[in-house]
Amino acid sequence: MKLALSTLVAVAVAAASAQTNAYASTADPWLHAFKAICWDPFGDKSRVEAAVSSYGQIEFQRLESKPGALQFGMTWESPKSSYTYTDSELLPRSLPSPQCQFVADTGADFDHSAAAAALGAMLPIGEGKTKGKGLRQRTEWNFPGPDGSKRRLFLSSQPGGTGIQTHISLLNIR
């Protein structure tokens, strides 16, 4: 039985696309959580607090700081993730503010390249620059914020937890 080259190419492309979509779907809940609790309310502390407390897909518990401790931000945890938001003029000028970091145990089948492509498309900030290989990768995007400020987004992944630990950080560069 002979198959035309175009048929073989179409089958190969469909198989590769299905594989990429399967890997991206593993990260989707985490990417959507990041968008809802960090990206959308970024720069507004009260909107961040409301977004985290009302986000129904992950049950976060706010960590309270120790009495008398200097607190620059807010932190929430769930069994498989944590989220920190900092927006303080108390930080040295050389440190980005506001900033948020979402860390999740995304599982052993997490695919960094597919997640980076999905994140770049979802936000929409396009394609980032990826460094590293295998299980340790980092993708970086630089783009203007809505107010003309400089923003930087990082997606990094490495072995940890029960598979791959993924960090997504959004920074306002001052």
C-alpha atoms as a PDB file:
ATOM      1  CA  MET A   1       0.000   0.000   0.000  1.00  0.00           C
ATOM      2  CA  LYS A   2       1.474   3.352  -1.044  1.00  0.00           C
ATOM      3  CA  LEU A   3       0.662   6.556   0.758  1.00  0.00           C
ATOM      4  CA  ALA A   4       1.221   9.920  -0.792  1.00  0.00           C
ATOM      5  CA  LEU A   5       3.915  12.037   0.822  1.00  0.00           C
ATOM      6  CA  SER A   6       1.344  14.732   1.602  1.00  0.00           C
ATOM      7  CA  THR A   7      -0.749  12.162   3.514  1.00  0.00           C
ATOM      8  CA  LEU A   8       2.266  11.070   5.568  1.00  0.00           C
ATOM      9  CA  VAL A   9       3.145  14.681   6.339  1.00  0.00           C
ATOM     10  CA  ALA A  10      -0.444  15.450   7.364  1.00  0.00           C
ATOM     11  CA  VAL A  11      -0.523  12.417   9.686  1.00  0.00           C
ATOM     12  CA  ALA A  12       2.843  13.378  11.231  1.00  0.00           C
ATOM     13  CA  VAL A  13       1.743  16.986  11.775  1.00  0.00           C
ATOM     14  CA  ALA A  14      -1.540  15.878  13.362  1.00  0.00           C
ATOM     15  CA  ALA A  15       0.299  13.461  15.684  1.00  0.00           C
ATOM     16  CA  ALA A  16       2.825  16.133  16.722  1.00  0.00           C
ATOM     17  CA  SER A  17       0.015  18.642  17.299  1.00  0.00           C
ATOM     18  CA  ALA A  18      -1.924  16.154  19.450  1.00  0.00           C
ATOM     19  CA  GLN A  19       1.233  15.464  21.487  1.00  0.00           C
ATOM     20  CA  THR A  20       1.882  19.195  22.024  1.00  0.00           C
ATOM     21  CA  ASN A  21      -1.759  19.839  22.939  1.00  0.00           C
ATOM     22  CA  ALA A  22      -1.700  16.961  25.425  1.00  0.00           C
ATOM     23  CA  TYR A  23       1.370  18.426  27.149  1.00  0.00           C
ATOM     24  CA  ALA A  24      -0.035  21.949  27.102  1.00  0.00           C
ATOM     25  CA  SER A  25      -3.277  20.729  28.661  1.00  0.00           C
ATOM     26  CA  THR A  26      -1.272  19.386  31.630  1.00  0.00           C
ATOM     27  CA  ALA A  27      -0.125  22.948  32.319  1.00  0.00           C
ATOM     28  CA  ASP A  28      -3.408  24.666  31.423  1.00  0.00           C
ATOM     29  CA  PRO A  29      -4.901  24.768  34.950  1.00  0.00           C
ATOM     30  CA  TRP A  30      -1.720  26.409  36.254  1.00  0.00           C
ATOM     31  CA  LEU A  31      -1.441  28.852  33.362  1.00  0.00           C
ATOM     32  CA  HIS A  32      -5.076  29.897  33.767  1.00  0.00           C
ATOM     33  CA  ALA A  33      -4.569  30.292  37.526  1.00  0.00           C
ATOM     34  CA  PHE A  34      -1.561  32.543  36.911  1.00  0.00           C
ATOM     35  CA  LYS A  35      -3.539  34.679  34.458  1.00  0.00           C
ATOM     36  CA  ALA A  36      -6.494  35.034  36.850  1.00  0.00           C
ATOM     37  CA  ILE A  37      -4.617  35.766  40.079  1.00  0.00           C
ATOM     38  CA  CYS A  38      -1.503  37.569  38.840  1.00  0.00           C
ATOM     39  CA  TRP A  39      -1.668  38.818  35.259  1.00  0.00           C
ATOM     40  CA  ASP A  40      -5.200  40.262  35.256  1.00  0.00           C
ATOM     41  CA  PRO A  41      -5.085  42.120  38.620  1.00  0.00           C
ATOM     42  CA  PHE A  42      -1.345  42.990  38.465  1.00  0.00           C
ATOM     43  CA  GLY A  43      -0.576  46.353  40.040  1.00  0.00           C
ATOM     44  CA  ASP A  44      -3.676  46.537  42.252  1.00  0.00           C
ATOM     45  CA  LYS A  45      -3.314  44.890  45.690  1.00  0.00           C
ATOM     46  CA  SER A  46      -7.033  44.841  46.432  1.00  0.00           C
ATOM     47  CA  ARG A  47      -7.824  43.213  43.067  1.00  0.00           C
ATOM     48  CA  VAL A  48      -5.087  40.621  43.706  1.00  0.00           C
ATOM     49  CA  GLU A  49      -6.561  39.738  47.104  1.00  0.00           C
ATOM     50  CA  ALA A  50     -10.062  39.487  45.636  1.00  0.00           C
ATOM     51  CA  ALA A  51      -8.847  37.355  42.699  1.00  0.00           C
ATOM     52  CA  VAL A  52      -7.017  34.876  44.938  1.00  0.00           C
ATOM     53  CA  SER A  53      -9.849  34.560  47.453  1.00  0.00           C
ATOM     54  CA  SER A  54     -12.473  34.070  44.742  1.00  0.00           C
ATOM     55  CA  TYR A  55     -10.457  31.782  42.443  1.00  0.00           C
ATOM     56  CA  GLY A  56     -12.471  28.573  42.559  1.00  0.00           C
ATOM     57  CA  GLN A  57     -10.075  26.156  40.842  1.00  0.00           C
ATOM     58  CA  ILE A  58      -7.439  26.152  43.617  1.00  0.00           C
ATOM     59  CA  GLU A  59      -8.198  26.570  47.306  1.00  0.00           C
ATOM     60  CA  PHE A  60      -5.567  28.966  48.630  1.00  0.00           C
ATOM     61  CA  GLN A  61      -4.886  29.704  52.289  1.00  0.00           C
ATOM     62  CA  ARG A  62      -3.306  33.050  53.111  1.00  0.00           C
ATOM     63  CA  LEU A  63      -0.177  32.832  55.236  1.00  0.00           C
ATOM     64  CA  GLU A  64      -0.087  35.421  57.956  1.00  0.00           C
ATOM     65  CA  SER A  65       3.201  37.052  58.856  1.00  0.00           C
ATOM     66  CA  LYS A  66       4.624  36.727  62.339  1.00  0.00           C
ATOM     67  CA  PRO A  67       3.636  39.543  64.696  1.00  0.00           C
ATOM     68  CA  GLY A  68       6.086  42.421  64.422  1.00  0.00           C
ATOM     69  CA  ALA A  69       7.675  41.045  61.241  1.00  0.00           C
ATOM     70  CA  LEU A  70       8.263  43.414  58.363  1.00  0.00           C
ATOM     71  CA  GLN A  71       5.974  42.322  55.535  1.00  0.00           C
ATOM     72  CA  PHE A  72       6.597  43.396  51.943  1.00  0.00           C
ATOM     73  CA  GLY A  73       3.960  41.209  50.339  1.00  0.00           C
ATOM     74  CA  MET A  74       1.270  38.598  50.678  1.00  0.00           C
ATOM     75  CA  THR A  75       1.616  34.821  50.328  1.00  0.00           C
ATOM     76  CA  TRP A  76      -0.983  32.116  49.763  1.00  0.00           C
ATOM     77  CA  GLU A  77      -0.532  28.341  49.596  1.00  0.00           C
ATOM     78  CA  SER A  78      -2.435  25.316  48.413  1.00  0.00           C
ATOM     79  CA  PRO A  79      -1.360  21.657  48.582  1.00  0.00           C
ATOM     80  CA  LYS A  80       0.326  21.836  45.126  1.00  0.00           C
ATOM     81  CA  SER A  81       1.116  25.519  44.683  1.00  0.00           C
ATOM     82  CA  SER A  82       2.039  28.839  46.262  1.00  0.00           C
ATOM     83  CA  TYR A  83       1.526  32.435  45.216  1.00  0.00           C
ATOM     84  CA  THR A  84       3.325  35.567  46.400  1.00  0.00           C
ATOM     85  CA  TYR A  85       2.471  39.144  45.506  1.00  0.00           C
ATOM     86  CA  THR A  86       4.658  42.098  46.459  1.00  0.00           C
ATOM     87  CA  ASP A  87       3.822  45.725  45.802  1.00  0.00           C
ATOM     88  CA  SER A  88       5.773  47.957  48.116  1.00  0.00           C
ATOM     89  CA  GLU A  89       7.658  51.202  47.919  1.00  0.00           C
ATOM     90  CA  LEU A  90       9.625  49.861  50.901  1.00  0.00           C
ATOM     91  CA  LEU A  91      11.651  47.662  48.536  1.00  0.00           C
ATOM     92  CA  PRO A  92      14.953  49.060  47.311  1.00  0.00           C
ATOM     93  CA  ARG A  93      14.570  50.801  43.958  1.00  0.00           C
ATOM     94  CA  SER A  94      16.734  48.127  42.300  1.00  0.00           C
ATOM     95  CA  LEU A  95      14.119  45.439  43.063  1.00  0.00           C
ATOM     96  CA  PRO A  96      11.084  45.068  40.793  1.00  0.00           C
ATOM     97  CA  SER A  97       7.757  46.171  42.231  1.00  0.00           C
ATOM     98  CA  PRO A  98       5.063  45.105  41.902  1.00  0.00           C
ATOM     99  CA  GLN A  99       5.945  41.489  41.331  1.00  0.00           C
ATOM    100  CA  CYS A 100       4.189  38.166  41.652  1.00  0.00           C
ATOM    101  CA  GLN A 101       5.364  34.597  41.639  1.00  0.00           C
ATOM    102  CA  PHE A 102       3.275  31.482  41.173  1.00  0.00           C
ATOM    103  CA  VAL A 103       4.925  28.125  41.921  1.00  0.00           C
ATOM    104  CA  ALA A 104       3.193  24.839  41.148  1.00  0.00           C
ATOM    105  CA  ASP A 105       3.969  21.138  41.184  1.00  0.00           C
ATOM    106  CA  THR A 106       2.848  20.510  37.603  1.00  0.00           C
ATOM    107  CA  GLY A 107       3.540  16.780  37.404  1.00  0.00           C
ATOM    108  CA  ALA A 108       6.021  14.559  35.575  1.00  0.00           C
ATOM    109  CA  ASP A 109       4.472  14.978  32.118  1.00  0.00           C
ATOM    110  CA  PHE A 110       4.821  18.787  32.068  1.00  0.00           C
ATOM    111  CA  ASP A 111       6.270  20.061  28.770  1.00  0.00           C
ATOM    112  CA  HIS A 112       8.030  23.410  29.102  1.00  0.00           C
ATOM    113  CA  SER A 113       8.004  24.283  25.386  1.00  0.00           C
ATOM    114  CA  ALA A 114       4.269  23.655  25.053  1.00  0.00           C
ATOM    115  CA  ALA A 115       3.543  25.614  28.244  1.00  0.00           C
ATOM    116  CA  ALA A 116       5.690  28.562  27.071  1.00  0.00           C
ATOM    117  CA  ALA A 117       3.883  28.625  23.729  1.00  0.00           C
ATOM    118  CA  ALA A 118       0.482  28.437  25.444  1.00  0.00           C
ATOM    119  CA  LEU A 119       1.391  31.175  27.946  1.00  0.00           C
ATOM    120  CA  GLY A 120       2.742  33.491  25.236  1.00  0.00           C
ATOM    121  CA  ALA A 121      -0.449  33.021  23.208  1.00  0.00           C
ATOM    122  CA  MET A 122      -2.839  33.318  26.162  1.00  0.00           C
ATOM    123  CA  LEU A 123      -1.483  36.593  27.550  1.00  0.00           C
ATOM    124  CA  PRO A 124      -0.797  37.566  24.419  1.00  0.00           C
ATOM    125  CA  ILE A 125       2.884  38.474  24.511  1.00  0.00           C
ATOM    126  CA  GLY A 126       4.150  36.227  21.735  1.00  0.00           C
ATOM    127  CA  GLU A 127       7.160  33.976  21.771  1.00  0.00           C
ATOM    128  CA  GLY A 128       9.711  34.231  24.560  1.00  0.00           C
ATOM    129  CA  LYS A 129      13.408  33.391  24.620  1.00  0.00           C
ATOM    130  CA  THR A 130      14.078  29.951  26.057  1.00  0.00           C
ATOM    131  CA  LYS A 131      17.336  28.790  27.634  1.00  0.00           C
ATOM    132  CA  GLY A 132      18.228  25.392  28.986  1.00  0.00           C
ATOM    133  CA  LYS A 133      17.198  21.941  27.887  1.00  0.00           C
ATOM    134  CA  GLY A 134      15.571  18.802  29.116  1.00  0.00           C
ATOM    135  CA  LEU A 135      13.951  19.140  32.522  1.00  0.00           C
ATOM    136  CA  ARG A 136      15.593  22.519  33.353  1.00  0.00           C
ATOM    137  CA  GLN A 137      14.395  25.364  31.157  1.00  0.00           C
ATOM    138  CA  ARG A 138      13.587  29.057  31.479  1.00  0.00           C
ATOM    139  CA  THR A 139      11.655  31.257  29.079  1.00  0.00           C
ATOM    140  CA  GLU A 140      11.757  35.051  29.343  1.00  0.00           C
ATOM    141  CA  TRP A 141       9.533  37.722  27.809  1.00  0.00           C
ATOM    142  CA  ASN A 142      10.171  41.478  27.916  1.00  0.00           C
ATOM    143  CA  PHE A 143       7.286  43.752  26.981  1.00  0.00           C
ATOM    144  CA  PRO A 144       5.730  47.126  27.840  1.00  0.00           C
ATOM    145  CA  GLY A 145       3.080  47.337  30.537  1.00  0.00           C
ATOM    146  CA  PRO A 146      -0.205  49.157  29.895  1.00  0.00           C
ATOM    147  CA  ASP A 147       1.244  52.312  31.465  1.00  0.00           C
ATOM    148  CA  GLY A 148       4.435  52.159  29.380  1.00  0.00           C
ATOM    149  CA  SER A 149       6.493  50.576  32.181  1.00  0.00           C
ATOM    150  CA  LYS A 150       8.899  47.756  31.407  1.00  0.00           C
ATOM    151  CA  ARG A 151       7.612  44.292  32.319  1.00  0.00           C
ATOM    152  CA  ARG A 152       9.367  40.958  32.425  1.00  0.00           C
ATOM    153  CA  LEU A 153       7.793  37.500  32.643  1.00  0.00           C
ATOM    154  CA  PHE A 154       9.643  34.280  33.442  1.00  0.00           C
ATOM    155  CA  LEU A 155       8.478  30.694  33.079  1.00  0.00           C
ATOM    156  CA  SER A 156      10.949  28.219  34.538  1.00  0.00           C
ATOM    157  CA  SER A 157      10.717  24.514  35.168  1.00  0.00           C
ATOM    158  CA  GLN A 158      12.919  22.002  36.951  1.00  0.00           C
ATOM    159  CA  PRO A 159      12.609  18.641  38.694  1.00  0.00           C
ATOM    160  CA  GLY A 160      10.951  18.940  42.094  1.00  0.00           C
ATOM    161  CA  GLY A 161       7.989  17.837  44.150  1.00  0.00           C
ATOM    162  CA  THR A 162       6.333  14.856  42.481  1.00  0.00           C
ATOM    163  CA  GLY A 163       7.538  15.676  38.991  1.00  0.00           C
ATOM    164  CA  ILE A 164       8.250  19.100  37.568  1.00  0.00           C
ATOM    165  CA  GLN A 165       8.102  22.256  39.648  1.00  0.00           C
ATOM    166  CA  THR A 166       7.111  25.276  37.587  1.00  0.00           C
ATOM    167  CA  HIS A 167       7.662  28.941  38.469  1.00  0.00           C
ATOM    168  CA  ILE A 168       5.896  31.802  36.698  1.00  0.00           C
ATOM    169  CA  SER A 169       7.029  35.290  37.703  1.00  0.00           C
ATOM    170  CA  LEU A 170       5.789  38.683  36.529  1.00  0.00           C
ATOM    171  CA  LEU A 171       7.904  41.731  37.356  1.00  0.00           C
ATOM    172  CA  ASN A 172       7.500  45.452  36.871  1.00  0.00           C
ATOM    173  CA  ILE A 173      11.026  46.752  36.216  1.00  0.00           C
ATOM    174  CA  ARG A 174      11.551  50.142  37.864  1.00  0.00           C
END
